[in-house]
């Protein structure tokens, strides 16, 4: 069963392919994704790598945590599962009704 790893402190210019190549030294990489901001299409400085086995994932954490990638020491840890987040209706700002009396 594949194990997903969180990769933090990534260089801003690292690509999915570079991340995959870097982690292949620890075993078979199923997927490698650098998380990008959807508005600017720039890296957010972190990503996820999915290793094919638990053993390879543990090896990657042991060998690659705090390793230099593109001049930065990266953080490698097992990814935590997503938590259920309540829907906020779409964008973070819910609007605000008109006609409210704001007295300060």
PDB file of N, CA and C in Angstrom:
ATOM      1  N   UNK A   1       0.845  -1.187   0.000  1.00  0.00           N
ATOM      2  CA  UNK A   1       0.000   0.000   0.000  1.00  0.00           C
ATOM      3  C   UNK A   1       0.891   1.252   0.000  1.00  0.00           C
ATOM      4  N   UNK A   2       0.559   2.201  -0.836  1.00  0.00           N
ATOM      5  CA  UNK A   2       1.350   3.424  -0.960  1.00  0.00           C
ATOM      6  C   UNK A   2       1.200   4.294   0.277  1.00  0.00           C
ATOM      7  N   UNK A   3       2.264   5.012   0.602  1.00  0.00           N
ATOM      8  CA  UNK A   3       2.273   5.907   1.752  1.00  0.00           C
ATOM      9  C   UNK A   3       2.620   7.307   1.286  1.00  0.00           C
ATOM     10  N   UNK A   4       1.819   8.284   1.697  1.00  0.00           N
ATOM     11  CA  UNK A   4       2.006   9.663   1.276  1.00  0.00           C
ATOM     12  C   UNK A   4       2.865  10.406   2.289  1.00  0.00           C
ATOM     13  N   UNK A   5       3.814  11.188   1.775  1.00  0.00           N
ATOM     14  CA  UNK A   5       4.706  11.996   2.595  1.00  0.00           C
ATOM     15  C   UNK A   5       4.458  13.477   2.330  1.00  0.00           C
ATOM     16  N   UNK A   6       4.583  14.278   3.381  1.00  0.00           N
ATOM     17  CA  UNK A   6       4.524  15.731   3.271  1.00  0.00           C
ATOM     18  C   UNK A   6       5.956  16.223   3.107  1.00  0.00           C
ATOM     19  N   UNK A   7       6.165  17.114   2.153  1.00  0.00           N
ATOM     20  CA  UNK A   7       7.483  17.677   1.913  1.00  0.00           C
ATOM     21  C   UNK A   7       7.384  19.190   2.069  1.00  0.00           C
ATOM     22  N   UNK A   8       8.075  19.725   3.056  1.00  0.00           N
ATOM     23  CA  UNK A   8       8.014  21.163   3.321  1.00  0.00           C
ATOM     24  C   UNK A   8       9.341  21.843   3.032  1.00  0.00           C
ATOM     25  N   UNK A   9       9.296  23.161   3.004  1.00  0.00           N
ATOM     26  CA  UNK A   9      10.465  24.009   2.802  1.00  0.00           C
ATOM     27  C   UNK A   9      11.107  23.785   1.426  1.00  0.00           C
ATOM     28  N   UNK A  10      10.258  23.552   0.429  1.00  0.00           N
ATOM     29  CA  UNK A  10      10.759  23.336  -0.934  1.00  0.00           C
ATOM     30  C   UNK A  10      11.244  24.636  -1.562  1.00  0.00           C
ATOM     31  N   UNK A  11      12.261  24.557  -2.412  1.00  0.00           N
ATOM     32  CA  UNK A  11      12.646  25.739  -3.188  1.00  0.00           C
ATOM     33  C   UNK A  11      11.474  26.156  -4.083  1.00  0.00           C
ATOM     34  N   UNK A  12      11.349  27.441  -4.349  1.00  0.00           N
ATOM     35  CA  UNK A  12      10.202  27.950  -5.104  1.00  0.00           C
ATOM     36  C   UNK A  12      10.169  27.444  -6.531  1.00  0.00           C
ATOM     37  N   UNK A  13      11.331  27.070  -7.086  1.00  0.00           N
ATOM     38  CA  UNK A  13      11.362  26.689  -8.501  1.00  0.00           C
ATOM     39  C   UNK A  13      11.392  25.185  -8.736  1.00  0.00           C
ATOM     40  N   UNK A  14      11.264  24.365  -7.703  1.00  0.00           N
ATOM     41  CA  UNK A  14      11.305  22.915  -7.884  1.00  0.00           C
ATOM     42  C   UNK A  14      10.039  22.449  -8.615  1.00  0.00           C
ATOM     43  N   UNK A  15      10.213  21.442  -9.478  1.00  0.00           N
ATOM     44  CA  UNK A  15       9.090  20.912 -10.260  1.00  0.00           C
ATOM     45  C   UNK A  15       8.691  19.532  -9.741  1.00  0.00           C
ATOM     46  N   UNK A  16       7.542  19.053 -10.203  1.00  0.00           N
ATOM     47  CA  UNK A  16       7.089  17.703  -9.850  1.00  0.00           C
ATOM     48  C   UNK A  16       8.134  16.663 -10.251  1.00  0.00           C
ATOM     49  N   UNK A  17       8.689  16.798 -11.447  1.00  0.00           N
ATOM     50  CA  UNK A  17       9.669  15.830 -11.940  1.00  0.00           C
ATOM     51  C   UNK A  17      10.950  15.849 -11.109  1.00  0.00           C
ATOM     52  N   UNK A  18      11.407  17.024 -10.710  1.00  0.00           N
ATOM     53  CA  UNK A  18      12.600  17.119  -9.869  1.00  0.00           C
ATOM     54  C   UNK A  18      12.349  16.475  -8.510  1.00  0.00           C
ATOM     55  N   UNK A  19      11.167  16.679  -7.970  1.00  0.00           N
ATOM     56  CA  UNK A  19      10.812  16.087  -6.680  1.00  0.00           C
ATOM     57  C   UNK A  19      10.780  14.565  -6.803  1.00  0.00           C
ATOM     58  N   UNK A  20      10.206  14.070  -7.881  1.00  0.00           N
ATOM     59  CA  UNK A  20      10.140  12.625  -8.105  1.00  0.00           C
ATOM     60  C   UNK A  20      11.550  12.033  -8.232  1.00  0.00           C
ATOM     61  N   UNK A  21      12.402  12.677  -9.005  1.00  0.00           N
ATOM     62  CA  UNK A  21      13.775  12.200  -9.172  1.00  0.00           C
ATOM     63  C   UNK A  21      14.524  12.193  -7.848  1.00  0.00           C
ATOM     64  N   UNK A  22      14.351  13.228  -7.052  1.00  0.00           N
ATOM     65  CA  UNK A  22      15.040  13.337  -5.770  1.00  0.00           C
ATOM     66  C   UNK A  22      14.639  12.198  -4.834  1.00  0.00           C
ATOM     67  N   UNK A  23      13.362  11.869  -4.791  1.00  0.00           N
ATOM     68  CA  UNK A  23      12.875  10.844  -3.872  1.00  0.00           C
ATOM     69  C   UNK A  23      13.061   9.424  -4.404  1.00  0.00           C
ATOM     70  N   UNK A  24      13.383   9.280  -5.675  1.00  0.00           N
ATOM     71  CA  UNK A  24      13.571   7.941  -6.232  1.00  0.00           C
ATOM     72  C   UNK A  24      14.776   7.227  -5.626  1.00  0.00           C
ATOM     73  N   UNK A  25      15.676   7.960  -4.985  1.00  0.00           N
ATOM     74  CA  UNK A  25      16.811   7.321  -4.312  1.00  0.00           C
ATOM     75  C   UNK A  25      16.350   6.478  -3.122  1.00  0.00           C
ATOM     76  N   UNK A  26      15.156   6.741  -2.610  1.00  0.00           N
ATOM     77  CA  UNK A  26      14.630   5.994  -1.462  1.00  0.00           C
ATOM     78  C   UNK A  26      13.710   4.851  -1.887  1.00  0.00           C
ATOM     79  N   UNK A  27      13.344   4.789  -3.163  1.00  0.00           N
ATOM     80  CA  UNK A  27      12.452   3.727  -3.625  1.00  0.00           C
ATOM     81  C   UNK A  27      11.589   4.193  -4.776  1.00  0.00           C
ATOM     82  N   UNK A  28      10.513   3.456  -4.996  1.00  0.00           N
ATOM     83  CA  UNK A  28       9.609   3.748  -6.105  1.00  0.00           C
ATOM     84  C   UNK A  28       8.643   4.870  -5.732  1.00  0.00           C
ATOM     85  N   UNK A  29       8.669   5.935  -6.515  1.00  0.00           N
ATOM     86  CA  UNK A  29       7.781   7.070  -6.299  1.00  0.00           C
ATOM     87  C   UNK A  29       6.536   6.870  -7.159  1.00  0.00           C
ATOM     88  N   UNK A  30       5.373   6.809  -6.507  1.00  0.00           N
ATOM     89  CA  UNK A  30       4.111   6.645  -7.229  1.00  0.00           C
ATOM     90  C   UNK A  30       3.671   7.988  -7.812  1.00  0.00           C
ATOM     91  N   UNK A  31       3.677   9.029  -6.977  1.00  0.00           N
ATOM     92  CA  UNK A  31       3.335  10.383  -7.428  1.00  0.00           C
ATOM     93  C   UNK A  31       4.204  11.390  -6.683  1.00  0.00           C
ATOM     94  N   UNK A  32       4.414  12.542  -7.308  1.00  0.00           N
ATOM     95  CA  UNK A  32       5.123  13.660  -6.693  1.00  0.00           C
ATOM     96  C   UNK A  32       4.448  14.935  -7.160  1.00  0.00           C
ATOM     97  N   UNK A  33       3.954  15.719  -6.214  1.00  0.00           N
ATOM     98  CA  UNK A  33       3.211  16.932  -6.564  1.00  0.00           C
ATOM     99  C   UNK A  33       3.699  18.108  -5.723  1.00  0.00           C
ATOM    100  N   UNK A  34       4.104  19.176  -6.407  1.00  0.00           N
ATOM    101  CA  UNK A  34       4.395  20.439  -5.749  1.00  0.00           C
ATOM    102  C   UNK A  34       3.087  21.214  -5.727  1.00  0.00           C
ATOM    103  N   UNK A  35       2.680  21.691  -4.575  1.00  0.00           N
ATOM    104  CA  UNK A  35       1.424  22.435  -4.453  1.00  0.00           C
ATOM    105  C   UNK A  35       1.655  23.865  -4.933  1.00  0.00           C
ATOM    106  N   UNK A  36       0.789  24.311  -5.861  1.00  0.00           N
ATOM    107  CA  UNK A  36       0.908  25.654  -6.414  1.00  0.00           C
ATOM    108  C   UNK A  36      -0.329  26.479  -6.079  1.00  0.00           C
ATOM    109  N   UNK A  37      -0.126  27.760  -5.961  1.00  0.00           N
ATOM    110  CA  UNK A  37      -1.218  28.697  -5.724  1.00  0.00           C
ATOM    111  C   UNK A  37      -2.048  28.788  -6.994  1.00  0.00           C
ATOM    112  N   UNK A  38      -3.346  28.627  -6.873  1.00  0.00           N
ATOM    113  CA  UNK A  38      -4.173  28.592  -8.080  1.00  0.00           C
ATOM    114  C   UNK A  38      -4.308  29.946  -8.751  1.00  0.00           C
ATOM    115  N   UNK A  39      -4.104  31.036  -8.016  1.00  0.00           N
ATOM    116  CA  UNK A  39      -4.206  32.360  -8.626  1.00  0.00           C
ATOM    117  C   UNK A  39      -2.924  32.783  -9.341  1.00  0.00           C
ATOM    118  N   UNK A  40      -1.773  32.505  -8.707  1.00  0.00           N
ATOM    119  CA  UNK A  40      -0.492  32.955  -9.272  1.00  0.00           C
ATOM    120  C   UNK A  40       0.266  31.856  -9.998  1.00  0.00           C
ATOM    121  N   UNK A  41      -0.138  30.608  -9.801  1.00  0.00           N
ATOM    122  CA  UNK A  41       0.535  29.446 -10.378  1.00  0.00           C
ATOM    123  C   UNK A  41       1.978  29.310  -9.892  1.00  0.00           C
ATOM    124  N   UNK A  42       2.283  29.894  -8.713  1.00  0.00           N
ATOM    125  CA  UNK A  42       3.605  29.774  -8.095  1.00  0.00           C
ATOM    126  C   UNK A  42       3.555  28.707  -7.023  1.00  0.00           C
ATOM    127  N   UNK A  43       4.701  28.076  -6.795  1.00  0.00           N
ATOM    128  CA  UNK A  43       4.806  27.079  -5.742  1.00  0.00           C
ATOM    129  C   UNK A  43       4.449  27.704  -4.390  1.00  0.00           C
ATOM    130  N   UNK A  44       3.820  26.908  -3.540  1.00  0.00           N
ATOM    131  CA  UNK A  44       3.515  27.365  -2.182  1.00  0.00           C
ATOM    132  C   UNK A  44       4.579  26.891  -1.198  1.00  0.00           C
ATOM    133  N   UNK A  45       5.632  26.237  -1.723  1.00  0.00           N
ATOM    134  CA  UNK A  45       6.752  25.846  -0.877  1.00  0.00           C
ATOM    135  C   UNK A  45       6.610  24.495  -0.197  1.00  0.00           C
ATOM    136  N   UNK A  46       5.597  23.739  -0.595  1.00  0.00           N
ATOM    137  CA  UNK A  46       5.443  22.395  -0.053  1.00  0.00           C
ATOM    138  C   UNK A  46       4.812  21.496  -1.095  1.00  0.00           C
ATOM    139  N   UNK A  47       4.842  20.203  -0.817  1.00  0.00           N
ATOM    140  CA  UNK A  47       4.267  19.256  -1.748  1.00  0.00           C
ATOM    141  C   UNK A  47       4.078  17.902  -1.099  1.00  0.00           C
ATOM    142  N   UNK A  48       3.745  16.922  -1.909  1.00  0.00           N
ATOM    143  CA  UNK A  48       3.491  15.569  -1.424  1.00  0.00           C
ATOM    144  C   UNK A  48       4.145  14.570  -2.356  1.00  0.00           C
ATOM    145  N   UNK A  49       4.701  13.525  -1.766  1.00  0.00           N
ATOM    146  CA  UNK A  49       5.283  12.419  -2.514  1.00  0.00           C
ATOM    147  C   UNK A  49       4.641  11.149  -1.995  1.00  0.00           C
ATOM    148  N   UNK A  50       4.227  10.298  -2.908  1.00  0.00           N
ATOM    149  CA  UNK A  50       3.638   9.022  -2.524  1.00  0.00           C
ATOM    150  C   UNK A  50       4.615   7.916  -2.899  1.00  0.00           C
ATOM    151  N   UNK A  51       5.102   7.197  -1.885  1.00  0.00           N
ATOM    152  CA  UNK A  51       6.022   6.083  -2.087  1.00  0.00           C
ATOM    153  C   UNK A  51       5.217   4.797  -2.177  1.00  0.00           C
ATOM    154  N   UNK A  52       5.739   3.799  -2.907  1.00  0.00           N
ATOM    155  CA  UNK A  52       4.957   2.598  -3.168  1.00  0.00           C
ATOM    156  C   UNK A  52       4.758   1.711  -1.953  1.00  0.00           C
ATOM    157  N   UNK A  53       5.660   1.756  -0.965  1.00  0.00           N
ATOM    158  CA  UNK A  53       5.488   0.931   0.238  1.00  0.00           C
ATOM    159  C   UNK A  53       5.773   1.748   1.491  1.00  0.00           C
ATOM    160  N   UNK A  54       5.293   1.250   2.604  1.00  0.00           N
ATOM    161  CA  UNK A  54       5.547   1.876   3.903  1.00  0.00           C
ATOM    162  C   UNK A  54       7.046   1.900   4.199  1.00  0.00           C
ATOM    163  N   UNK A  55       7.746   0.821   3.857  1.00  0.00           N
ATOM    164  CA  UNK A  55       9.183   0.727   4.117  1.00  0.00           C
ATOM    165  C   UNK A  55       9.949   1.800   3.340  1.00  0.00           C
ATOM    166  N   UNK A  56       9.573   1.999   2.070  1.00  0.00           N
ATOM    167  CA  UNK A  56      10.232   3.031   1.272  1.00  0.00           C
ATOM    168  C   UNK A  56       9.926   4.420   1.820  1.00  0.00           C
ATOM    169  N   UNK A  57       8.715   4.619   2.284  1.00  0.00           N
ATOM    170  CA  UNK A  57       8.346   5.909   2.869  1.00  0.00           C
ATOM    171  C   UNK A  57       9.180   6.183   4.122  1.00  0.00           C
ATOM    172  N   UNK A  58       9.337   5.176   4.979  1.00  0.00           N
ATOM    173  CA  UNK A  58      10.149   5.342   6.187  1.00  0.00           C
ATOM    174  C   UNK A  58      11.610   5.611   5.825  1.00  0.00           C
ATOM    175  N   UNK A  59      12.102   4.933   4.792  1.00  0.00           N
ATOM    176  CA  UNK A  59      13.470   5.159   4.328  1.00  0.00           C
ATOM    177  C   UNK A  59      13.631   6.597   3.832  1.00  0.00           C
ATOM    178  N   UNK A  60      12.652   7.093   3.102  1.00  0.00           N
ATOM    179  CA  UNK A  60      12.696   8.465   2.590  1.00  0.00           C
ATOM    180  C   UNK A  60      12.719   9.470   3.733  1.00  0.00           C
ATOM    181  N   UNK A  61      11.898   9.241   4.758  1.00  0.00           N
ATOM    182  CA  UNK A  61      11.879  10.153   5.904  1.00  0.00           C
ATOM    183  C   UNK A  61      13.246  10.136   6.583  1.00  0.00           C
ATOM    184  N   UNK A  62      13.768   8.953   6.807  1.00  0.00           N
ATOM    185  CA  UNK A  62      15.045   8.812   7.509  1.00  0.00           C
ATOM    186  C   UNK A  62      16.202   9.435   6.725  1.00  0.00           C
ATOM    187  N   UNK A  63      16.255   9.171   5.422  1.00  0.00           N
ATOM    188  CA  UNK A  63      17.391   9.599   4.617  1.00  0.00           C
ATOM    189  C   UNK A  63      17.271  11.012   4.043  1.00  0.00           C
ATOM    190  N   UNK A  64      16.051  11.472   3.800  1.00  0.00           N
ATOM    191  CA  UNK A  64      15.895  12.740   3.076  1.00  0.00           C
ATOM    192  C   UNK A  64      15.388  13.900   3.921  1.00  0.00           C
ATOM    193  N   UNK A  65      14.918  13.638   5.148  1.00  0.00           N
ATOM    194  CA  UNK A  65      14.516  14.743   6.012  1.00  0.00           C
ATOM    195  C   UNK A  65      15.747  15.592   6.312  1.00  0.00           C
ATOM    196  N   UNK A  66      15.630  16.879   6.119  1.00  0.00           N
ATOM    197  CA  UNK A  66      16.700  17.854   6.337  1.00  0.00           C
ATOM    198  C   UNK A  66      17.796  17.768   5.269  1.00  0.00           C
ATOM    199  N   UNK A  67      17.526  17.065   4.166  1.00  0.00           N
ATOM    200  CA  UNK A  67      18.481  16.986   3.060  1.00  0.00           C
ATOM    201  C   UNK A  67      18.400  18.258   2.224  1.00  0.00           C
ATOM    202  N   UNK A  68      19.484  18.574   1.542  1.00  0.00           N
ATOM    203  CA  UNK A  68      19.544  19.756   0.691  1.00  0.00           C
ATOM    204  C   UNK A  68      18.914  19.460  -0.664  1.00  0.00           C
ATOM    205  N   UNK A  69      17.946  20.264  -1.033  1.00  0.00           N
ATOM    206  CA  UNK A  69      17.338  20.206  -2.362  1.00  0.00           C
ATOM    207  C   UNK A  69      17.306  21.624  -2.907  1.00  0.00           C
ATOM    208  N   UNK A  70      18.098  21.894  -3.905  1.00  0.00           N
ATOM    209  CA  UNK A  70      18.126  23.220  -4.520  1.00  0.00           C
ATOM    210  C   UNK A  70      18.539  24.322  -3.572  1.00  0.00           C
ATOM    211  N   UNK A  71      19.408  24.007  -2.615  1.00  0.00           N
ATOM    212  CA  UNK A  71      19.887  25.027  -1.684  1.00  0.00           C
ATOM    213  C   UNK A  71      19.053  25.190  -0.425  1.00  0.00           C
ATOM    214  N   UNK A  72      18.037  24.381  -0.253  1.00  0.00           N
ATOM    215  CA  UNK A  72      17.206  24.457   0.957  1.00  0.00           C
ATOM    216  C   UNK A  72      17.133  23.092   1.624  1.00  0.00           C
ATOM    217  N   UNK A  73      17.133  23.080   2.936  1.00  0.00           N
ATOM    218  CA  UNK A  73      16.961  21.840   3.691  1.00  0.00           C
ATOM    219  C   UNK A  73      15.472  21.562   3.795  1.00  0.00           C
ATOM    220  N   UNK A  74      15.044  20.474   3.170  1.00  0.00           N
ATOM    221  CA  UNK A  74      13.621  20.157   3.119  1.00  0.00           C
ATOM    222  C   UNK A  74      13.183  19.396   4.370  1.00  0.00           C
ATOM    223  N   UNK A  75      11.902  19.437   4.620  1.00  0.00           N
ATOM    224  CA  UNK A  75      11.271  18.719   5.729  1.00  0.00           C
ATOM    225  C   UNK A  75      10.482  17.565   5.118  1.00  0.00           C
ATOM    226  N   UNK A  76      10.712  16.361   5.615  1.00  0.00           N
ATOM    227  CA  UNK A  76      10.012  15.180   5.113  1.00  0.00           C
ATOM    228  C   UNK A  76       9.354  14.481   6.298  1.00  0.00           C
ATOM    229  N   UNK A  77       8.049  14.298   6.230  1.00  0.00           N
ATOM    230  CA  UNK A  77       7.327  13.589   7.284  1.00  0.00           C
ATOM    231  C   UNK A  77       6.134  12.876   6.671  1.00  0.00           C
ATOM    232  N   UNK A  78       5.592  11.927   7.407  1.00  0.00           N
ATOM    233  CA  UNK A  78       4.405  11.242   6.910  1.00  0.00           C
ATOM    234  C   UNK A  78       3.249  12.232   6.901  1.00  0.00           C
ATOM    235  N   UNK A  79       2.518  12.244   5.801  1.00  0.00           N
ATOM    236  CA  UNK A  79       1.401  13.183   5.658  1.00  0.00           C
ATOM    237  C   UNK A  79       0.263  12.768   6.580  1.00  0.00           C
ATOM    238  N   UNK A  80      -0.359  13.755   7.176  1.00  0.00           N
ATOM    239  CA  UNK A  80      -1.549  13.494   7.991  1.00  0.00           C
ATOM    240  C   UNK A  80      -2.756  13.470   7.074  1.00  0.00           C
ATOM    241  N   UNK A  81      -3.759  12.660   7.418  1.00  0.00           N
ATOM    242  CA  UNK A  81      -4.962  12.632   6.569  1.00  0.00           C
ATOM    243  C   UNK A  81      -5.693  13.967   6.617  1.00  0.00           C
ATOM    244  N   UNK A  82      -6.376  14.269   5.522  1.00  0.00           N
ATOM    245  CA  UNK A  82      -7.184  15.489   5.484  1.00  0.00           C
ATOM    246  C   UNK A  82      -8.269  15.408   6.532  1.00  0.00           C
ATOM    247  N   UNK A  83      -8.520  16.523   7.180  1.00  0.00           N
ATOM    248  CA  UNK A  83      -9.618  16.567   8.138  1.00  0.00           C
ATOM    249  C   UNK A  83     -10.853  17.081   7.426  1.00  0.00           C
ATOM    250  N   UNK A  84     -12.003  16.677   7.912  1.00  0.00           N
ATOM    251  CA  UNK A  84     -13.241  17.192   7.337  1.00  0.00           C
ATOM    252  C   UNK A  84     -13.381  18.642   7.735  1.00  0.00           C
ATOM    253  N   UNK A  85     -13.473  19.468   6.739  1.00  0.00           N
ATOM    254  CA  UNK A  85     -13.612  20.898   6.997  1.00  0.00           C
ATOM    255  C   UNK A  85     -15.031  21.318   6.659  1.00  0.00           C
ATOM    256  N   UNK A  86     -15.637  22.121   7.512  1.00  0.00           N
ATOM    257  CA  UNK A  86     -16.982  22.590   7.185  1.00  0.00           C
ATOM    258  C   UNK A  86     -16.932  23.517   5.973  1.00  0.00           C
ATOM    259  N   UNK A  87     -17.903  23.393   5.124  1.00  0.00           N
ATOM    260  CA  UNK A  87     -17.972  24.236   3.947  1.00  0.00           C
ATOM    261  C   UNK A  87     -18.347  25.649   4.360  1.00  0.00           C
ATOM    262  N   UNK A  88     -17.589  26.604   3.825  1.00  0.00           N
ATOM    263  CA  UNK A  88     -17.878  27.993   4.163  1.00  0.00           C
ATOM    264  C   UNK A  88     -18.653  28.687   3.059  1.00  0.00           C
ATOM    265  N   UNK A  89     -19.122  27.919   2.105  1.00  0.00           N
ATOM    266  CA  UNK A  89     -19.911  28.513   1.046  1.00  0.00           C
ATOM    267  C   UNK A  89     -19.069  29.006  -0.101  1.00  0.00           C
ATOM    268  N   UNK A  90     -17.808  28.686  -0.116  1.00  0.00           N
ATOM    269  CA  UNK A  90     -17.044  29.012  -1.280  1.00  0.00           C
ATOM    270  C   UNK A  90     -15.834  29.853  -1.088  1.00  0.00           C
ATOM    271  N   UNK A  91     -15.719  30.928  -0.584  1.00  0.00           N
ATOM    272  CA  UNK A  91     -14.478  31.637  -0.761  1.00  0.00           C
ATOM    273  C   UNK A  91     -13.822  32.148   0.474  1.00  0.00           C
ATOM    274  N   UNK A  92     -14.244  31.874   1.600  1.00  0.00           N
ATOM    275  CA  UNK A  92     -13.603  32.417   2.777  1.00  0.00           C
ATOM    276  C   UNK A  92     -14.332  33.647   3.277  1.00  0.00           C
ATOM    277  N   UNK A  93     -14.761  34.519   2.379  1.00  0.00           N
ATOM    278  CA  UNK A  93     -15.532  35.683   2.781  1.00  0.00           C
ATOM    279  C   UNK A  93     -16.970  35.413   2.413  1.00  0.00           C
ATOM    280  N   UNK A  94     -17.818  35.455   3.415  1.00  0.00           N
ATOM    281  CA  UNK A  94     -19.188  35.038   3.183  1.00  0.00           C
ATOM    282  C   UNK A  94     -20.110  36.172   2.796  1.00  0.00           C
ATOM    283  N   UNK A  95     -19.554  37.310   2.555  1.00  0.00           N
ATOM    284  CA  UNK A  95     -20.467  38.344   2.085  1.00  0.00           C
ATOM    285  C   UNK A  95     -20.737  39.356   3.160  1.00  0.00           C
ATOM    286  N   UNK A  96     -21.722  39.402   3.745  1.00  0.00           N
ATOM    287  CA  UNK A  96     -22.077  40.431   4.691  1.00  0.00           C
ATOM    288  C   UNK A  96     -23.343  41.064   4.176  1.00  0.00           C
ATOM    289  N   UNK A  97     -24.274  41.117   4.996  1.00  0.00           N
ATOM    290  CA  UNK A  97     -25.564  41.598   4.540  1.00  0.00           C
ATOM    291  C   UNK A  97     -25.628  43.096   4.421  1.00  0.00           C
ATOM    292  N   UNK A  98     -26.399  43.538   3.516  1.00  0.00           N
ATOM    293  CA  UNK A  98     -26.600  44.963   3.397  1.00  0.00           C
ATOM    294  C   UNK A  98     -27.598  45.422   4.448  1.00  0.00           C
ATOM    295  N   UNK A  99     -27.522  46.648   4.774  1.00  0.00           N
ATOM    296  CA  UNK A  99     -28.499  47.221   5.687  1.00  0.00           C
ATOM    297  C   UNK A  99     -28.182  47.018   7.156  1.00  0.00           C
ATOM    298  N   UNK A 100     -27.031  46.444   7.464  1.00  0.00           N
ATOM    299  CA  UNK A 100     -26.689  46.305   8.873  1.00  0.00           C
ATOM    300  C   UNK A 100     -26.272  47.651   9.418  1.00  0.00           C
ATOM    301  N   UNK A 101     -26.689  47.914  10.609  1.00  0.00           N
ATOM    302  CA  UNK A 101     -26.318  49.140  11.272  1.00  0.00           C
ATOM    303  C   UNK A 101     -25.038  48.877  12.045  1.00  0.00           C
ATOM    304  N   UNK A 102     -23.932  49.467  11.612  1.00  0.00           N
ATOM    305  CA  UNK A 102     -22.645  49.251  12.277  1.00  0.00           C
ATOM    306  C   UNK A 102     -22.336  50.469  13.145  1.00  0.00           C
ATOM    307  N   UNK A 103     -22.463  50.242  14.399  1.00  0.00           N
ATOM    308  CA  UNK A 103     -22.122  51.322  15.340  1.00  0.00           C
ATOM    309  C   UNK A 103     -20.906  50.901  16.141  1.00  0.00           C
ATOM    310  N   UNK A 104     -19.919  51.768  16.163  1.00  0.00           N
ATOM    311  CA  UNK A 104     -18.686  51.448  16.870  1.00  0.00           C
ATOM    312  C   UNK A 104     -18.573  52.235  18.122  1.00  0.00           C
TER     313      UNK A 104
END
